[in-house]
Amino acid sequence: MQTDNPFLDGMARLFTDAAGAAQSVRAEIEGVVRQRMEKLVADMNLVPREEFEAVKAMAAKARAENEALAARLAALEARLPNP
């Protein structure tokens, strides 16, 4: 916006420059925060979702097998003569 008033022109230019500088600072801060968060997550030694799901499925299968074996053992013990 152009006016005949140099003071207003200077203020408009100042605010435009300040907005550009604020956007640059914001982008820089976002980059630093993103970098820090990625490093924090990497240092936490988290497992990928796929590995977690695979181990979860293995645990469920082992639990089911354990329950089946416990039932089989109980049935075999029931067949033993009582002393």
PDB file of N, CA and C in Angstrom:
ATOM      1  N   MET A   1       0.851  -1.170   0.000  1.00  0.00           N
ATOM      2  CA  MET A   1       0.000   0.000   0.000  1.00  0.00           C
ATOM      3  C   MET A   1       0.895   1.232   0.000  1.00  0.00           C
ATOM      4  N   GLN A   2       0.718   2.071  -0.964  1.00  0.00           N
ATOM      5  CA  GLN A   2       1.507   3.302  -1.077  1.00  0.00           C
ATOM      6  C   GLN A   2       0.663   4.481  -0.615  1.00  0.00           C
ATOM      7  N   THR A   3       1.285   5.329   0.169  1.00  0.00           N
ATOM      8  CA  THR A   3       0.634   6.571   0.599  1.00  0.00           C
ATOM      9  C   THR A   3       1.597   7.708   0.335  1.00  0.00           C
ATOM     10  N   ASP A   4       1.105   8.893   0.529  1.00  0.00           N
ATOM     11  CA  ASP A   4       1.956  10.071   0.373  1.00  0.00           C
ATOM     12  C   ASP A   4       2.712  10.377   1.654  1.00  0.00           C
ATOM     13  N   ASN A   5       2.393   9.650   2.709  1.00  0.00           N
ATOM     14  CA  ASN A   5       3.006   9.908   4.003  1.00  0.00           C
ATOM     15  C   ASN A   5       4.192   8.958   4.184  1.00  0.00           C
ATOM     16  N   PRO A   6       5.425   9.487   4.226  1.00  0.00           N
ATOM     17  CA  PRO A   6       6.588   8.621   4.368  1.00  0.00           C
ATOM     18  C   PRO A   6       6.619   7.866   5.706  1.00  0.00           C
ATOM     19  N   PHE A   7       6.033   8.457   6.753  1.00  0.00           N
ATOM     20  CA  PHE A   7       5.992   7.780   8.044  1.00  0.00           C
ATOM     21  C   PHE A   7       5.159   6.507   7.950  1.00  0.00           C
ATOM     22  N   LEU A   8       3.981   6.622   7.321  1.00  0.00           N
ATOM     23  CA  LEU A   8       3.113   5.447   7.180  1.00  0.00           C
ATOM     24  C   LEU A   8       3.753   4.403   6.263  1.00  0.00           C
ATOM     25  N   ASP A   9       4.436   4.872   5.207  1.00  0.00           N
ATOM     26  CA  ASP A   9       5.138   3.936   4.329  1.00  0.00           C
ATOM     27  C   ASP A   9       6.230   3.190   5.100  1.00  0.00           C
ATOM     28  N   GLY A  10       6.950   3.894   5.924  1.00  0.00           N
ATOM     29  CA  GLY A  10       8.001   3.278   6.732  1.00  0.00           C
ATOM     30  C   GLY A  10       7.428   2.284   7.728  1.00  0.00           C
ATOM     31  N   MET A  11       6.315   2.635   8.354  1.00  0.00           N
ATOM     32  CA  MET A  11       5.674   1.725   9.307  1.00  0.00           C
ATOM     33  C   MET A  11       5.174   0.468   8.592  1.00  0.00           C
ATOM     34  N   ALA A  12       4.578   0.644   7.436  1.00  0.00           N
ATOM     35  CA  ALA A  12       4.084  -0.520   6.687  1.00  0.00           C
ATOM     36  C   ALA A  12       5.239  -1.425   6.300  1.00  0.00           C
ATOM     37  N   ARG A  13       6.336  -0.839   5.847  1.00  0.00           N
ATOM     38  CA  ARG A  13       7.518  -1.629   5.481  1.00  0.00           C
ATOM     39  C   ARG A  13       8.077  -2.341   6.713  1.00  0.00           C
ATOM     40  N   LEU A  14       8.103  -1.661   7.849  1.00  0.00           N
ATOM     41  CA  LEU A  14       8.601  -2.246   9.089  1.00  0.00           C
ATOM     42  C   LEU A  14       7.752  -3.448   9.508  1.00  0.00           C
ATOM     43  N   PHE A  15       6.428  -3.302   9.454  1.00  0.00           N
ATOM     44  CA  PHE A  15       5.553  -4.411   9.832  1.00  0.00           C
ATOM     45  C   PHE A  15       5.674  -5.580   8.858  1.00  0.00           C
ATOM     46  N   THR A  16       5.838  -5.280   7.591  1.00  0.00           N
ATOM     47  CA  THR A  16       6.016  -6.339   6.598  1.00  0.00           C
ATOM     48  C   THR A  16       7.314  -7.097   6.860  1.00  0.00           C
ATOM     49  N   ASP A  17       8.378  -6.373   7.119  1.00  0.00           N
ATOM     50  CA  ASP A  17       9.661  -7.004   7.425  1.00  0.00           C
ATOM     51  C   ASP A  17       9.590  -7.796   8.733  1.00  0.00           C
ATOM     52  N   ALA A  18       8.889  -7.265   9.720  1.00  0.00           N
ATOM     53  CA  ALA A  18       8.758  -7.952  11.005  1.00  0.00           C
ATOM     54  C   ALA A  18       7.979  -9.254  10.831  1.00  0.00           C
ATOM     55  N   ALA A  19       6.938  -9.239   9.992  1.00  0.00           N
ATOM     56  CA  ALA A  19       6.158 -10.458   9.756  1.00  0.00           C
ATOM     57  C   ALA A  19       7.025 -11.506   9.062  1.00  0.00           C
ATOM     58  N   GLY A  20       7.830 -11.086   8.113  1.00  0.00           N
ATOM     59  CA  GLY A  20       8.736 -12.022   7.439  1.00  0.00           C
ATOM     60  C   GLY A  20       9.765 -12.599   8.397  1.00  0.00           C
ATOM     61  N   ALA A  21      10.288 -11.755   9.258  1.00  0.00           N
ATOM     62  CA  ALA A  21      11.274 -12.216  10.241  1.00  0.00           C
ATOM     63  C   ALA A  21      10.629 -13.189  11.227  1.00  0.00           C
ATOM     64  N   ALA A  22       9.396 -12.905  11.629  1.00  0.00           N
ATOM     65  CA  ALA A  22       8.691 -13.794  12.560  1.00  0.00           C
ATOM     66  C   ALA A  22       8.461 -15.164  11.919  1.00  0.00           C
ATOM     67  N   GLN A  23       8.125 -15.183  10.642  1.00  0.00           N
ATOM     68  CA  GLN A  23       7.932 -16.459   9.954  1.00  0.00           C
ATOM     69  C   GLN A  23       9.246 -17.235   9.872  1.00  0.00           C
ATOM     70  N   SER A  24      10.324 -16.533   9.633  1.00  0.00           N
ATOM     71  CA  SER A  24      11.634 -17.189   9.582  1.00  0.00           C
ATOM     72  C   SER A  24      12.011 -17.762  10.937  1.00  0.00           C
ATOM     73  N   VAL A  25      11.765 -17.014  11.993  1.00  0.00           N
ATOM     74  CA  VAL A  25      12.066 -17.483  13.343  1.00  0.00           C
ATOM     75  C   VAL A  25      11.196 -18.694  13.671  1.00  0.00           C
ATOM     76  N   ARG A  26       9.932 -18.629  13.294  1.00  0.00           N
ATOM     77  CA  ARG A  26       9.020 -19.745  13.550  1.00  0.00           C
ATOM     78  C   ARG A  26       9.504 -21.004  12.833  1.00  0.00           C
ATOM     79  N   ALA A  27       9.878 -20.881  11.578  1.00  0.00           N
ATOM     80  CA  ALA A  27      10.368 -22.038  10.813  1.00  0.00           C
ATOM     81  C   ALA A  27      11.634 -22.604  11.444  1.00  0.00           C
ATOM     82  N   GLU A  28      12.511 -21.731  11.917  1.00  0.00           N
ATOM     83  CA  GLU A  28      13.753 -22.172  12.562  1.00  0.00           C
ATOM     84  C   GLU A  28      13.451 -22.915  13.867  1.00  0.00           C
ATOM     85  N   ILE A  29      12.542 -22.379  14.655  1.00  0.00           N
ATOM     86  CA  ILE A  29      12.173 -23.023  15.921  1.00  0.00           C
ATOM     87  C   ILE A  29      11.519 -24.373  15.657  1.00  0.00           C
ATOM     88  N   GLU A  30      10.627 -24.441  14.673  1.00  0.00           N
ATOM     89  CA  GLU A  30       9.992 -25.716  14.337  1.00  0.00           C
ATOM     90  C   GLU A  30      11.029 -26.759  13.920  1.00  0.00           C
ATOM     91  N   GLY A  31      12.003 -26.339  13.156  1.00  0.00           N
ATOM     92  CA  GLY A  31      13.062 -27.253  12.732  1.00  0.00           C
ATOM     93  C   GLY A  31      13.861 -27.777  13.902  1.00  0.00           C
ATOM     94  N   VAL A  32      14.212 -26.887  14.832  1.00  0.00           N
ATOM     95  CA  VAL A  32      14.985 -27.285  16.003  1.00  0.00           C
ATOM     96  C   VAL A  32      14.161 -28.228  16.886  1.00  0.00           C
ATOM     97  N   VAL A  33      12.893 -27.892  17.102  1.00  0.00           N
ATOM     98  CA  VAL A  33      12.035 -28.733  17.943  1.00  0.00           C
ATOM     99  C   VAL A  33      11.858 -30.106  17.302  1.00  0.00           C
ATOM    100  N   ARG A  34      11.630 -30.133  15.998  1.00  0.00           N
ATOM    101  CA  ARG A  34      11.465 -31.418  15.301  1.00  0.00           C
ATOM    102  C   ARG A  34      12.725 -32.268  15.429  1.00  0.00           C
ATOM    103  N   GLN A  35      13.878 -31.637  15.266  1.00  0.00           N
ATOM    104  CA  GLN A  35      15.154 -32.341  15.376  1.00  0.00           C
ATOM    105  C   GLN A  35      15.351 -32.894  16.789  1.00  0.00           C
ATOM    106  N   ARG A  36      15.022 -32.104  17.800  1.00  0.00           N
ATOM    107  CA  ARG A  36      15.166 -32.550  19.192  1.00  0.00           C
ATOM    108  C   ARG A  36      14.215 -33.710  19.495  1.00  0.00           C
ATOM    109  N   MET A  37      12.983 -33.610  18.993  1.00  0.00           N
ATOM    110  CA  MET A  37      12.007 -34.678  19.236  1.00  0.00           C
ATOM    111  C   MET A  37      12.439 -35.976  18.559  1.00  0.00           C
ATOM    112  N   GLU A  38      12.951 -35.893  17.347  1.00  0.00           N
ATOM    113  CA  GLU A  38      13.428 -37.088  16.650  1.00  0.00           C
ATOM    114  C   GLU A  38      14.587 -37.724  17.420  1.00  0.00           C
ATOM    115  N   LYS A  39      15.479 -36.904  17.950  1.00  0.00           N
ATOM    116  CA  LYS A  39      16.602 -37.431  18.729  1.00  0.00           C
ATOM    117  C   LYS A  39      16.094 -38.067  20.021  1.00  0.00           C
ATOM    118  N   LEU A  40      15.131 -37.436  20.664  1.00  0.00           N
ATOM    119  CA  LEU A  40      14.559 -37.976  21.898  1.00  0.00           C
ATOM    120  C   LEU A  40      13.907 -39.331  21.643  1.00  0.00           C
ATOM    121  N   VAL A  41      13.139 -39.436  20.577  1.00  0.00           N
ATOM    122  CA  VAL A  41      12.480 -40.703  20.251  1.00  0.00           C
ATOM    123  C   VAL A  41      13.514 -41.772  19.906  1.00  0.00           C
ATOM    124  N   ALA A  42      14.557 -41.388  19.187  1.00  0.00           N
ATOM    125  CA  ALA A  42      15.609 -42.349  18.841  1.00  0.00           C
ATOM    126  C   ALA A  42      16.341 -42.819  20.095  1.00  0.00           C
ATOM    127  N   ASP A  43      16.565 -41.931  21.046  1.00  0.00           N
ATOM    128  CA  ASP A  43      17.254 -42.292  22.281  1.00  0.00           C
ATOM    129  C   ASP A  43      16.395 -43.152  23.199  1.00  0.00           C
ATOM    130  N   MET A  44      15.078 -43.099  23.031  1.00  0.00           N
ATOM    131  CA  MET A  44      14.179 -43.861  23.888  1.00  0.00           C
ATOM    132  C   MET A  44      14.151 -45.340  23.510  1.00  0.00           C
ATOM    133  N   ASN A  45      14.733 -45.691  22.391  1.00  0.00           N
ATOM    134  CA  ASN A  45      14.828 -47.083  21.981  1.00  0.00           C
ATOM    135  C   ASN A  45      13.451 -47.716  21.801  1.00  0.00           C
ATOM    136  N   LEU A  46      12.534 -46.995  21.183  1.00  0.00           N
ATOM    137  CA  LEU A  46      11.191 -47.499  20.951  1.00  0.00           C
ATOM    138  C   LEU A  46      11.201 -48.513  19.817  1.00  0.00           C
ATOM    139  N   VAL A  47      10.279 -49.470  19.893  1.00  0.00           N
ATOM    140  CA  VAL A  47      10.190 -50.475  18.833  1.00  0.00           C
ATOM    141  C   VAL A  47       9.159 -50.027  17.811  1.00  0.00           C
ATOM    142  N   PRO A  48       9.353 -50.429  16.561  1.00  0.00           N
ATOM    143  CA  PRO A  48       8.350 -50.108  15.543  1.00  0.00           C
ATOM    144  C   PRO A  48       7.032 -50.837  15.829  1.00  0.00           C
ATOM    145  N   ARG A  49       5.955 -50.298  15.351  1.00  0.00           N
ATOM    146  CA  ARG A  49       4.617 -50.856  15.580  1.00  0.00           C
ATOM    147  C   ARG A  49       4.525 -52.292  15.079  1.00  0.00           C
ATOM    148  N   GLU A  50       5.154 -52.577  13.927  1.00  0.00           N
ATOM    149  CA  GLU A  50       5.088 -53.918  13.355  1.00  0.00           C
ATOM    150  C   GLU A  50       5.716 -54.949  14.291  1.00  0.00           C
ATOM    151  N   GLU A  51       6.861 -54.606  14.869  1.00  0.00           N
ATOM    152  CA  GLU A  51       7.521 -55.519  15.800  1.00  0.00           C
ATOM    153  C   GLU A  51       6.670 -55.731  17.043  1.00  0.00           C
ATOM    154  N   PHE A  52       6.074 -54.666  17.539  1.00  0.00           N
ATOM    155  CA  PHE A  52       5.211 -54.775  18.713  1.00  0.00           C
ATOM    156  C   PHE A  52       4.040 -55.700  18.438  1.00  0.00           C
ATOM    157  N   GLU A  53       3.400 -55.530  17.285  1.00  0.00           N
ATOM    158  CA  GLU A  53       2.257 -56.373  16.933  1.00  0.00           C
ATOM    159  C   GLU A  53       2.681 -57.831  16.782  1.00  0.00           C
ATOM    160  N   ALA A  54       3.870 -58.079  16.221  1.00  0.00           N
ATOM    161  CA  ALA A  54       4.351 -59.452  16.048  1.00  0.00           C
ATOM    162  C   ALA A  54       4.583 -60.113  17.408  1.00  0.00           C
ATOM    163  N   VAL A  55       5.212 -59.387  18.330  1.00  0.00           N
ATOM    164  CA  VAL A  55       5.465 -59.939  19.660  1.00  0.00           C
ATOM    165  C   VAL A  55       4.146 -60.137  20.412  1.00  0.00           C
ATOM    166  N   LYS A  56       3.212 -59.230  20.221  1.00  0.00           N
ATOM    167  CA  LYS A  56       1.901 -59.358  20.859  1.00  0.00           C
ATOM    168  C   LYS A  56       1.189 -60.626  20.375  1.00  0.00           C
ATOM    169  N   ALA A  57       1.264 -60.896  19.072  1.00  0.00           N
ATOM    170  CA  ALA A  57       0.642 -62.104  18.514  1.00  0.00           C
ATOM    171  C   ALA A  57       1.334 -63.359  19.042  1.00  0.00           C
ATOM    172  N   MET A  58       2.663 -63.323  19.149  1.00  0.00           N
ATOM    173  CA  MET A  58       3.407 -64.463  19.690  1.00  0.00           C
ATOM    174  C   MET A  58       3.012 -64.719  21.143  1.00  0.00           C
ATOM    175  N   ALA A  59       2.842 -63.679  21.922  1.00  0.00           N
ATOM    176  CA  ALA A  59       2.457 -63.832  23.325  1.00  0.00           C
ATOM    177  C   ALA A  59       1.051 -64.411  23.436  1.00  0.00           C
ATOM    178  N   ALA A  60       0.136 -63.973  22.589  1.00  0.00           N
ATOM    179  CA  ALA A  60      -1.226 -64.505  22.612  1.00  0.00           C
ATOM    180  C   ALA A  60      -1.226 -65.986  22.253  1.00  0.00           C
ATOM    181  N   LYS A  61      -0.421 -66.366  21.259  1.00  0.00           N
ATOM    182  CA  LYS A  61      -0.333 -67.771  20.859  1.00  0.00           C
ATOM    183  C   LYS A  61       0.258 -68.599  21.993  1.00  0.00           C
ATOM    184  N   ALA A  62       1.310 -68.104  22.636  1.00  0.00           N
ATOM    185  CA  ALA A  62       1.934 -68.831  23.741  1.00  0.00           C
ATOM    186  C   ALA A  62       0.957 -68.981  24.903  1.00  0.00           C
ATOM    187  N   ARG A  63       0.179 -67.932  25.165  1.00  0.00           N
ATOM    188  CA  ARG A  63      -0.813 -67.997  26.243  1.00  0.00           C
ATOM    189  C   ARG A  63      -1.866 -69.062  25.940  1.00  0.00           C
ATOM    190  N   ALA A  64      -2.338 -69.118  24.707  1.00  0.00           N
ATOM    191  CA  ALA A  64      -3.337 -70.116  24.309  1.00  0.00           C
ATOM    192  C   ALA A  64      -2.761 -71.530  24.423  1.00  0.00           C
ATOM    193  N   GLU A  65      -1.528 -71.710  23.986  1.00  0.00           N
ATOM    194  CA  GLU A  65      -0.879 -73.020  24.093  1.00  0.00           C
ATOM    195  C   GLU A  65      -0.703 -73.417  25.557  1.00  0.00           C
ATOM    196  N   ASN A  66      -0.341 -72.463  26.405  1.00  0.00           N
ATOM    197  CA  ASN A  66      -0.170 -72.723  27.824  1.00  0.00           C
ATOM    198  C   ASN A  66      -1.500 -73.151  28.454  1.00  0.00           C
ATOM    199  N   GLU A  67      -2.569 -72.471  28.096  1.00  0.00           N
ATOM    200  CA  GLU A  67      -3.885 -72.835  28.629  1.00  0.00           C
ATOM    201  C   GLU A  67      -4.300 -74.225  28.156  1.00  0.00           C
ATOM    202  N   ALA A  68      -4.008 -74.552  26.889  1.00  0.00           N
ATOM    203  CA  ALA A  68      -4.350 -75.880  26.366  1.00  0.00           C
ATOM    204  C   ALA A  68      -3.545 -76.953  27.086  1.00  0.00           C
ATOM    205  N   LEU A  69      -2.265 -76.692  27.319  1.00  0.00           N
ATOM    206  CA  LEU A  69      -1.435 -77.659  28.040  1.00  0.00           C
ATOM    207  C   LEU A  69      -1.888 -77.814  29.489  1.00  0.00           C
ATOM    208  N   ALA A  70      -2.300 -76.732  30.123  1.00  0.00           N
ATOM    209  CA  ALA A  70      -2.791 -76.806  31.499  1.00  0.00           C
ATOM    210  C   ALA A  70      -4.062 -77.647  31.555  1.00  0.00           C
ATOM    211  N   ALA A  71      -4.939 -77.487  30.587  1.00  0.00           N
ATOM    212  CA  ALA A  71      -6.168 -78.287  30.544  1.00  0.00           C
ATOM    213  C   ALA A  71      -5.838 -79.753  30.300  1.00  0.00           C
ATOM    214  N   ARG A  72      -4.907 -80.017  29.412  1.00  0.00           N
ATOM    215  CA  ARG A  72      -4.499 -81.402  29.137  1.00  0.00           C
ATOM    216  C   ARG A  72      -3.884 -82.042  30.383  1.00  0.00           C
ATOM    217  N   LEU A  73      -3.028 -81.295  31.082  1.00  0.00           N
ATOM    218  CA  LEU A  73      -2.416 -81.800  32.306  1.00  0.00           C
ATOM    219  C   LEU A  73      -3.478 -82.089  33.365  1.00  0.00           C
ATOM    220  N   ALA A  74      -4.449 -81.214  33.505  1.00  0.00           N
ATOM    221  CA  ALA A  74      -5.521 -81.432  34.480  1.00  0.00           C
ATOM    222  C   ALA A  74      -6.310 -82.683  34.132  1.00  0.00           C
ATOM    223  N   ALA A  75      -6.568 -82.901  32.836  1.00  0.00           N
ATOM    224  CA  ALA A  75      -7.293 -84.100  32.417  1.00  0.00           C
ATOM    225  C   ALA A  75      -6.479 -85.354  32.703  1.00  0.00           C
ATOM    226  N   LEU A  76      -5.174 -85.328  32.445  1.00  0.00           N
ATOM    227  CA  LEU A  76      -4.320 -86.485  32.732  1.00  0.00           C
ATOM    228  C   LEU A  76      -4.242 -86.760  34.228  1.00  0.00           C
ATOM    229  N   GLU A  77      -4.126 -85.681  35.025  1.00  0.00           N
ATOM    230  CA  GLU A  77      -4.072 -85.858  36.477  1.00  0.00           C
ATOM    231  C   GLU A  77      -5.383 -86.430  37.022  1.00  0.00           C
ATOM    232  N   ALA A  78      -6.482 -86.061  36.398  1.00  0.00           N
ATOM    233  CA  ALA A  78      -7.777 -86.574  36.829  1.00  0.00           C
ATOM    234  C   ALA A  78      -7.886 -88.069  36.560  1.00  0.00           C
ATOM    235  N   ARG A  79      -7.204 -88.552  35.546  1.00  0.00           N
ATOM    236  CA  ARG A  79      -7.262 -89.982  35.203  1.00  0.00           C
ATOM    237  C   ARG A  79      -6.389 -90.831  36.111  1.00  0.00           C
ATOM    238  N   LEU A  80      -5.454 -90.205  36.835  1.00  0.00           N
ATOM    239  CA  LEU A  80      -4.582 -90.960  37.742  1.00  0.00           C
ATOM    240  C   LEU A  80      -5.393 -91.447  38.934  1.00  0.00           C
ATOM    241  N   PRO A  81      -5.038 -92.653  39.431  1.00  0.00           N
ATOM    242  CA  PRO A  81      -5.736 -93.145  40.616  1.00  0.00           C
ATOM    243  C   PRO A  81      -5.369 -92.305  41.834  1.00  0.00           C
ATOM    244  N   ASN A  82      -6.317 -92.073  42.677  1.00  0.00           N
ATOM    245  CA  ASN A  82      -6.076 -91.304  43.902  1.00  0.00           C
ATOM    246  C   ASN A  82      -5.440 -92.215  44.950  1.00  0.00           C
ATOM    247  N   PRO A  83      -4.386 -91.799  45.641  1.00  0.00           N
ATOM    248  CA  PRO A  83      -3.736 -92.642  46.654  1.00  0.00           C
ATOM    249  C   PRO A  83      -4.505 -92.729  47.934  1.00  0.00           C
TER     250      PRO A  83
END
